[in-house]
């Protein structure tokens, strides 16, 4: 059956995305089947953590399994996307922190299989930004590893896909003990 007339109008175009305000919830609907909602958001410097939280309101049951993608304005998908089987469902929110460079982003909301629609229950999307509290960054690979001295170091795995590398210079007769808490 044709459900287009029952679906509320929303922004569903990559060329004309809706806008998001950091930290402010936005409601939308995945309707009709195959609908994709696109939003533009700006992350100011020095914020480099982009948190996306998606939930399906107070629906007891819904035919949609919501997920998202995040792209920079150059069209590159950023790391740490939800896994293929992860979705925000009725009563089951999904939140992922992405490590990014400050700037402009596009967030796309969609049903995982593009085969569900829900005109009765809106999703709630909240995108927020924060500065990475890990003072060792960037240390995501061997080339940028944080040098370890005699004093204890602390770090933080701040976002999905974050790696923290550390290096230590010892001779071949040194017993190295590492503690991680």
C-alpha atoms as a PDB file:
ATOM      1  CA  UNK A   1       0.000   0.000   0.000  1.00  0.00           C
ATOM      2  CA  UNK A   2       1.028   3.578  -0.632  1.00  0.00           C
ATOM      3  CA  UNK A   3       2.012   5.113   2.713  1.00  0.00           C
ATOM      4  CA  UNK A   4       3.682   8.276   1.392  1.00  0.00           C
ATOM      5  CA  UNK A   5       0.660  10.401   2.230  1.00  0.00           C
ATOM      6  CA  UNK A   6       0.662   9.136   5.844  1.00  0.00           C
ATOM      7  CA  UNK A   7       4.316  10.019   6.391  1.00  0.00           C
ATOM      8  CA  UNK A   8       5.278  13.427   7.784  1.00  0.00           C
ATOM      9  CA  UNK A   9       7.631  15.494   5.643  1.00  0.00           C
ATOM     10  CA  UNK A  10      11.259  15.514   6.734  1.00  0.00           C
ATOM     11  CA  UNK A  11      14.712  16.312   5.411  1.00  0.00           C
ATOM     12  CA  UNK A  12      15.901  13.234   3.603  1.00  0.00           C
ATOM     13  CA  UNK A  13      18.374  14.551   1.110  1.00  0.00           C
ATOM     14  CA  UNK A  14      22.156  14.685   1.288  1.00  0.00           C
ATOM     15  CA  UNK A  15      21.994  17.850  -0.846  1.00  0.00           C
ATOM     16  CA  UNK A  16      19.573  19.603   1.531  1.00  0.00           C
ATOM     17  CA  UNK A  17      20.170  18.229   5.025  1.00  0.00           C
ATOM     18  CA  UNK A  18      18.327  19.418   8.095  1.00  0.00           C
ATOM     19  CA  UNK A  19      20.428  21.153  10.724  1.00  0.00           C
ATOM     20  CA  UNK A  20      21.313  19.974  14.208  1.00  0.00           C
ATOM     21  CA  UNK A  21      22.303  21.980  17.262  1.00  0.00           C
ATOM     22  CA  UNK A  22      24.881  20.258  19.430  1.00  0.00           C
ATOM     23  CA  UNK A  23      23.325  18.803  22.565  1.00  0.00           C
ATOM     24  CA  UNK A  24      19.731  19.446  21.456  1.00  0.00           C
ATOM     25  CA  UNK A  25      17.482  16.439  20.726  1.00  0.00           C
ATOM     26  CA  UNK A  26      15.846  16.292  17.314  1.00  0.00           C
ATOM     27  CA  UNK A  27      12.864  14.129  16.413  1.00  0.00           C
ATOM     28  CA  UNK A  28      12.185  12.516  13.081  1.00  0.00           C
ATOM     29  CA  UNK A  29      10.447   9.582  11.444  1.00  0.00           C
ATOM     30  CA  UNK A  30      11.682   6.807   9.218  1.00  0.00           C
ATOM     31  CA  UNK A  31       8.822   6.778   6.769  1.00  0.00           C
ATOM     32  CA  UNK A  32       8.243   5.699   4.016  1.00  0.00           C
ATOM     33  CA  UNK A  33      10.256   2.490   3.638  1.00  0.00           C
ATOM     34  CA  UNK A  34      13.786   3.253   2.497  1.00  0.00           C
ATOM     35  CA  UNK A  35      13.674   6.746   4.029  1.00  0.00           C
ATOM     36  CA  UNK A  36      17.008   8.308   4.980  1.00  0.00           C
ATOM     37  CA  UNK A  37      17.135  11.451   7.073  1.00  0.00           C
ATOM     38  CA  UNK A  38      20.203  13.664   6.641  1.00  0.00           C
ATOM     39  CA  UNK A  39      21.376  16.306   9.100  1.00  0.00           C
ATOM     40  CA  UNK A  40      24.275  18.758   9.082  1.00  0.00           C
ATOM     41  CA  UNK A  41      26.167  19.521  12.272  1.00  0.00           C
ATOM     42  CA  UNK A  42      29.217  21.633  13.053  1.00  0.00           C
ATOM     43  CA  UNK A  43      31.756  20.658  15.701  1.00  0.00           C
ATOM     44  CA  UNK A  44      33.796  23.670  16.874  1.00  0.00           C
ATOM     45  CA  UNK A  45      37.470  23.546  17.813  1.00  0.00           C
ATOM     46  CA  UNK A  46      38.894  22.264  20.164  1.00  0.00           C
ATOM     47  CA  UNK A  47      36.132  19.630  20.367  1.00  0.00           C
ATOM     48  CA  UNK A  48      37.262  16.374  18.781  1.00  0.00           C
ATOM     49  CA  UNK A  49      34.736  13.875  20.149  1.00  0.00           C
ATOM     50  CA  UNK A  50      31.382  13.596  18.397  1.00  0.00           C
ATOM     51  CA  UNK A  51      28.773  11.598  20.331  1.00  0.00           C
ATOM     52  CA  UNK A  52      25.740  10.326  18.449  1.00  0.00           C
ATOM     53  CA  UNK A  53      22.829   8.985  20.489  1.00  0.00           C
ATOM     54  CA  UNK A  54      19.741   7.565  18.825  1.00  0.00           C
ATOM     55  CA  UNK A  55      16.623   6.123  20.427  1.00  0.00           C
ATOM     56  CA  UNK A  56      13.155   5.202  19.276  1.00  0.00           C
ATOM     57  CA  UNK A  57      11.143   7.291  21.721  1.00  0.00           C
ATOM     58  CA  UNK A  58       8.731   5.427  23.944  1.00  0.00           C
ATOM     59  CA  UNK A  59       7.557   2.886  21.377  1.00  0.00           C
ATOM     60  CA  UNK A  60       6.788  -0.491  22.971  1.00  0.00           C
ATOM     61  CA  UNK A  61       7.368  -2.190  19.596  1.00  0.00           C
ATOM     62  CA  UNK A  62       8.448  -0.798  16.245  1.00  0.00           C
ATOM     63  CA  UNK A  63       9.214  -2.275  12.819  1.00  0.00           C
ATOM     64  CA  UNK A  64      12.364  -0.156  12.396  1.00  0.00           C
ATOM     65  CA  UNK A  65      15.895  -0.917  13.515  1.00  0.00           C
ATOM     66  CA  UNK A  66      17.609   2.457  13.462  1.00  0.00           C
ATOM     67  CA  UNK A  67      21.251   3.136  12.759  1.00  0.00           C
ATOM     68  CA  UNK A  68      23.322   5.984  11.357  1.00  0.00           C
ATOM     69  CA  UNK A  69      26.354   6.939   9.367  1.00  0.00           C
ATOM     70  CA  UNK A  70      28.569   9.995   9.858  1.00  0.00           C
ATOM     71  CA  UNK A  71      30.479  11.647   7.007  1.00  0.00           C
ATOM     72  CA  UNK A  72      32.714  14.665   6.831  1.00  0.00           C
ATOM     73  CA  UNK A  73      31.824  17.347   4.269  1.00  0.00           C
ATOM     74  CA  UNK A  74      34.357  15.881   1.822  1.00  0.00           C
ATOM     75  CA  UNK A  75      32.251  12.705   1.717  1.00  0.00           C
ATOM     76  CA  UNK A  76      34.574  10.464   3.764  1.00  0.00           C
ATOM     77  CA  UNK A  77      32.868   8.171   6.259  1.00  0.00           C
ATOM     78  CA  UNK A  78      34.435   8.634   9.680  1.00  0.00           C
ATOM     79  CA  UNK A  79      35.710   5.750  11.786  1.00  0.00           C
ATOM     80  CA  UNK A  80      33.773   4.079  14.580  1.00  0.00           C
ATOM     81  CA  UNK A  81      30.417   3.673  12.841  1.00  0.00           C
ATOM     82  CA  UNK A  82      27.822   1.424  14.478  1.00  0.00           C
ATOM     83  CA  UNK A  83      28.427  -2.235  13.658  1.00  0.00           C
ATOM     84  CA  UNK A  84      26.155  -3.898  11.104  1.00  0.00           C
ATOM     85  CA  UNK A  85      24.088  -5.603  13.800  1.00  0.00           C
ATOM     86  CA  UNK A  86      23.885  -2.609  16.172  1.00  0.00           C
ATOM     87  CA  UNK A  87      20.652  -0.671  16.138  1.00  0.00           C
ATOM     88  CA  UNK A  88      18.515   1.612  18.237  1.00  0.00           C
ATOM     89  CA  UNK A  89      15.263  -0.190  18.736  1.00  0.00           C
ATOM     90  CA  UNK A  90      12.198   0.367  20.879  1.00  0.00           C
ATOM     91  CA  UNK A  91      13.497   0.762  24.430  1.00  0.00           C
ATOM     92  CA  UNK A  92      17.091   0.137  23.330  1.00  0.00           C
ATOM     93  CA  UNK A  93      19.053   3.341  22.603  1.00  0.00           C
ATOM     94  CA  UNK A  94      22.352   3.262  20.739  1.00  0.00           C
ATOM     95  CA  UNK A  95      25.162   5.693  21.606  1.00  0.00           C
ATOM     96  CA  UNK A  96      28.624   5.801  20.020  1.00  0.00           C
ATOM     97  CA  UNK A  97      31.468   8.302  20.511  1.00  0.00           C
ATOM     98  CA  UNK A  98      33.435   9.127  17.344  1.00  0.00           C
ATOM     99  CA  UNK A  99      36.952  10.603  17.317  1.00  0.00           C
ATOM    100  CA  UNK A 100      37.051  13.379  14.694  1.00  0.00           C
ATOM    101  CA  UNK A 101      38.728  16.599  13.685  1.00  0.00           C
ATOM    102  CA  UNK A 102      36.553  19.653  14.392  1.00  0.00           C
ATOM    103  CA  UNK A 103      34.499  20.738  11.400  1.00  0.00           C
ATOM    104  CA  UNK A 104      31.331  20.061   9.443  1.00  0.00           C
ATOM    105  CA  UNK A 105      29.635  16.659   9.386  1.00  0.00           C
ATOM    106  CA  UNK A 106      26.611  14.926   7.915  1.00  0.00           C
ATOM    107  CA  UNK A 107      24.628  12.418   9.978  1.00  0.00           C
ATOM    108  CA  UNK A 108      22.372   9.997   8.120  1.00  0.00           C
ATOM    109  CA  UNK A 109      19.590   8.150  10.010  1.00  0.00           C
ATOM    110  CA  UNK A 110      18.122   5.026   8.394  1.00  0.00           C
ATOM    111  CA  UNK A 111      16.537   1.641   9.010  1.00  0.00           C
ATOM    112  CA  UNK A 112      19.184  -1.119   8.877  1.00  0.00           C
ATOM    113  CA  UNK A 113      17.355  -3.142   6.229  1.00  0.00           C
ATOM    114  CA  UNK A 114      15.666  -0.145   4.540  1.00  0.00           C
ATOM    115  CA  UNK A 115      12.486  -2.239   4.769  1.00  0.00           C
ATOM    116  CA  UNK A 116      10.809  -0.797   7.866  1.00  0.00           C
ATOM    117  CA  UNK A 117       8.828   2.350   8.492  1.00  0.00           C
ATOM    118  CA  UNK A 118       7.202   3.830  11.573  1.00  0.00           C
ATOM    119  CA  UNK A 119       4.893   6.810  11.192  1.00  0.00           C
ATOM    120  CA  UNK A 120       3.598   6.533  14.782  1.00  0.00           C
ATOM    121  CA  UNK A 121       6.840   6.623  16.789  1.00  0.00           C
ATOM    122  CA  UNK A 122       9.523   9.265  16.221  1.00  0.00           C
ATOM    123  CA  UNK A 123      13.183   8.622  16.757  1.00  0.00           C
ATOM    124  CA  UNK A 124      15.154  10.993  18.943  1.00  0.00           C
ATOM    125  CA  UNK A 125      18.632  11.968  17.765  1.00  0.00           C
ATOM    126  CA  UNK A 126      21.096  13.875  19.921  1.00  0.00           C
ATOM    127  CA  UNK A 127      24.563  14.815  18.686  1.00  0.00           C
ATOM    128  CA  UNK A 128      27.016  16.407  21.075  1.00  0.00           C
ATOM    129  CA  UNK A 129      30.660  17.393  21.105  1.00  0.00           C
ATOM    130  CA  UNK A 130      33.434  17.343  23.673  1.00  0.00           C
ATOM    131  CA  UNK A 131      37.166  17.759  23.932  1.00  0.00           C
ATOM    132  CA  UNK A 132      39.134  14.522  24.310  1.00  0.00           C
ATOM    133  CA  UNK A 133      40.322  14.376  27.945  1.00  0.00           C
ATOM    134  CA  UNK A 134      43.318  12.198  26.993  1.00  0.00           C
ATOM    135  CA  UNK A 135      46.314  14.552  27.160  1.00  0.00           C
ATOM    136  CA  UNK A 136      48.525  12.008  25.340  1.00  0.00           C
ATOM    137  CA  UNK A 137      46.694  12.397  22.032  1.00  0.00           C
ATOM    138  CA  UNK A 138      47.513  12.037  19.280  1.00  0.00           C
ATOM    139  CA  UNK A 139      49.157   8.709  20.076  1.00  0.00           C
ATOM    140  CA  UNK A 140      47.169   6.359  17.875  1.00  0.00           C
ATOM    141  CA  UNK A 141      50.102   4.604  16.210  1.00  0.00           C
ATOM    142  CA  UNK A 142      53.750   3.653  16.738  1.00  0.00           C
ATOM    143  CA  UNK A 143      55.035   6.834  15.082  1.00  0.00           C
ATOM    144  CA  UNK A 144      53.152   9.020  17.576  1.00  0.00           C
ATOM    145  CA  UNK A 145      53.576   6.816  20.663  1.00  0.00           C
ATOM    146  CA  UNK A 146      53.800   8.586  24.017  1.00  0.00           C
ATOM    147  CA  UNK A 147      57.243   8.107  25.570  1.00  0.00           C
ATOM    148  CA  UNK A 148      57.082   6.462  28.996  1.00  0.00           C
ATOM    149  CA  UNK A 149      59.446   7.664  31.709  1.00  0.00           C
ATOM    150  CA  UNK A 150      59.756   6.735  35.369  1.00  0.00           C
ATOM    151  CA  UNK A 151      56.510   8.442  36.423  1.00  0.00           C
ATOM    152  CA  UNK A 152      53.163   6.682  35.946  1.00  0.00           C
ATOM    153  CA  UNK A 153      51.103   7.754  32.944  1.00  0.00           C
ATOM    154  CA  UNK A 154      47.379   7.827  32.508  1.00  0.00           C
ATOM    155  CA  UNK A 155      45.438   7.772  29.301  1.00  0.00           C
ATOM    156  CA  UNK A 156      41.949   7.198  28.070  1.00  0.00           C
ATOM    157  CA  UNK A 157      40.290   5.199  25.330  1.00  0.00           C
ATOM    158  CA  UNK A 158      37.883   7.998  24.481  1.00  0.00           C
ATOM    159  CA  UNK A 159      36.055   6.794  21.388  1.00  0.00           C
ATOM    160  CA  UNK A 160      35.292   3.716  19.359  1.00  0.00           C
ATOM    161  CA  UNK A 161      38.416   2.673  17.497  1.00  0.00           C
ATOM    162  CA  UNK A 162      40.764   4.732  19.706  1.00  0.00           C
ATOM    163  CA  UNK A 163      44.198   3.205  20.252  1.00  0.00           C
ATOM    164  CA  UNK A 164      46.797   4.528  22.653  1.00  0.00           C
ATOM    165  CA  UNK A 165      50.419   3.668  21.910  1.00  0.00           C
ATOM    166  CA  UNK A 166      53.295   4.067  24.367  1.00  0.00           C
ATOM    167  CA  UNK A 167      57.024   3.539  23.906  1.00  0.00           C
ATOM    168  CA  UNK A 168      59.780   2.819  26.380  1.00  0.00           C
ATOM    169  CA  UNK A 169      63.530   2.693  25.799  1.00  0.00           C
ATOM    170  CA  UNK A 170      65.219  -0.132  27.714  1.00  0.00           C
ATOM    171  CA  UNK A 171      68.336  -2.217  27.220  1.00  0.00           C
ATOM    172  CA  UNK A 172      68.257  -5.965  26.777  1.00  0.00           C
ATOM    173  CA  UNK A 173      68.983  -6.631  30.495  1.00  0.00           C
ATOM    174  CA  UNK A 174      66.076  -4.613  31.865  1.00  0.00           C
ATOM    175  CA  UNK A 175      63.067  -6.381  33.340  1.00  0.00           C
ATOM    176  CA  UNK A 176      60.048  -4.387  32.213  1.00  0.00           C
ATOM    177  CA  UNK A 177      56.902  -4.477  34.331  1.00  0.00           C
ATOM    178  CA  UNK A 178      53.734  -2.912  33.043  1.00  0.00           C
ATOM    179  CA  UNK A 179      50.609  -2.331  35.101  1.00  0.00           C
ATOM    180  CA  UNK A 180      47.291  -1.393  33.589  1.00  0.00           C
ATOM    181  CA  UNK A 181      44.268  -0.328  35.595  1.00  0.00           C
END
